[in-house]
């Protein structure tokens, strides 16, 4: 069973955990971003995506970035996962 990705949210936090910025993409816009970053917007069961989101890497402020990925699995259920990166200018 796999997942069709259709949701992406990026959040940037400073060193004391204040939200500095956030951006959200849904549906075809999110699918296009996943396609550009990973070469696909579908993840097979037990599949792995590997890539980097450029916007998280360009912050002038040290802190952390969070990416929240979401989609619909092959059974029609919503699923979500997240990843966190440390930002060092």
Protein backbone atom coordinates (compact mmCIF):
# COMPACT_ATOMS: atom_id res chain seq x y z
CA UNK A 1 0.00 0.00 0.00
CA UNK A 2 1.29 3.47 -0.85
CA UNK A 3 0.50 7.13 -0.31
CA UNK A 4 -0.27 9.91 -2.78
CA UNK A 5 1.32 13.02 -1.27
CA UNK A 6 -0.86 16.14 -1.49
CA UNK A 7 0.08 18.27 1.54
CA UNK A 8 3.28 20.07 2.55
CA UNK A 9 3.80 22.50 5.39
CA UNK A 10 7.13 24.08 6.25
CA UNK A 11 7.74 25.91 9.53
CA UNK A 12 10.81 27.84 10.68
CA UNK A 13 11.61 28.46 14.35
CA UNK A 14 14.30 30.56 16.03
CA UNK A 15 16.62 29.28 18.76
CA UNK A 16 14.04 29.89 21.51
CA UNK A 17 11.27 28.12 19.56
CA UNK A 18 9.39 31.20 18.26
CA UNK A 19 7.66 30.57 14.95
CA UNK A 20 9.38 32.80 12.38
CA UNK A 21 7.54 31.69 9.25
CA UNK A 22 5.33 29.00 7.86
CA UNK A 23 4.05 28.11 4.41
CA UNK A 24 1.54 25.50 3.34
CA UNK A 25 0.82 23.83 0.00
CA UNK A 26 -2.06 21.52 -0.86
CA UNK A 27 -3.35 19.35 -3.70
CA UNK A 28 -1.76 19.87 -7.13
CA UNK A 29 0.59 22.58 -5.90
CA UNK A 30 1.97 20.25 -3.21
CA UNK A 31 2.18 17.38 -5.70
CA UNK A 32 4.22 19.58 -8.05
CA UNK A 33 6.64 20.47 -5.26
CA UNK A 34 7.06 16.81 -4.29
CA UNK A 35 7.58 15.94 -7.96
CA UNK A 36 10.34 18.57 -8.24
CA UNK A 37 12.09 17.61 -5.01
CA UNK A 38 11.72 13.82 -5.02
CA UNK A 39 10.84 12.99 -8.64
CA UNK A 40 7.45 11.64 -7.56
CA UNK A 41 4.43 12.46 -5.42
CA UNK A 42 3.64 8.80 -4.67
CA UNK A 43 5.38 6.71 -2.01
CA UNK A 44 5.10 2.94 -2.20
CA UNK A 45 4.48 0.88 0.93
CA UNK A 46 7.64 0.91 3.09
CA UNK A 47 9.12 3.33 0.54
CA UNK A 48 11.66 6.04 1.31
CA UNK A 49 11.90 9.59 -0.02
CA UNK A 50 15.19 11.43 0.10
CA UNK A 51 15.72 15.08 -0.73
CA UNK A 52 16.01 18.57 0.68
CA UNK A 53 13.64 21.50 0.66
CA UNK A 54 15.62 24.55 -0.48
CA UNK A 55 13.59 27.10 1.49
CA UNK A 56 14.65 25.55 4.80
CA UNK A 57 18.28 25.92 3.83
CA UNK A 58 18.22 29.64 3.07
CA UNK A 59 17.22 31.07 6.44
CA UNK A 60 19.50 33.76 7.83
CA UNK A 61 18.48 32.83 11.38
CA UNK A 62 19.77 29.85 13.34
CA UNK A 63 17.06 27.57 14.67
CA UNK A 64 15.14 24.64 13.25
CA UNK A 65 12.88 23.84 10.37
CA UNK A 66 10.00 21.40 10.33
CA UNK A 67 8.48 19.80 7.22
CA UNK A 68 5.10 18.12 7.56
CA UNK A 69 4.18 15.80 4.70
CA UNK A 70 0.70 14.44 4.18
CA UNK A 71 -1.36 12.47 1.75
CA UNK A 72 -4.00 9.85 1.13
CA UNK A 73 -3.12 6.17 1.27
CA UNK A 74 -4.41 3.60 -1.20
CA UNK A 75 -7.31 2.82 1.15
CA UNK A 76 -8.44 6.47 1.26
CA UNK A 77 -7.06 7.28 4.73
CA UNK A 78 -5.22 10.52 5.54
CA UNK A 79 -1.64 10.04 6.69
CA UNK A 80 1.02 12.45 7.90
CA UNK A 81 4.72 12.41 8.77
CA UNK A 82 7.24 15.08 9.67
CA UNK A 83 10.95 15.75 9.52
CA UNK A 84 13.04 18.31 11.38
CA UNK A 85 16.32 19.98 10.40
CA UNK A 86 18.69 22.25 12.27
CA UNK A 87 19.22 25.60 10.56
CA UNK A 88 22.65 27.16 10.81
CA UNK A 89 23.27 30.26 8.68
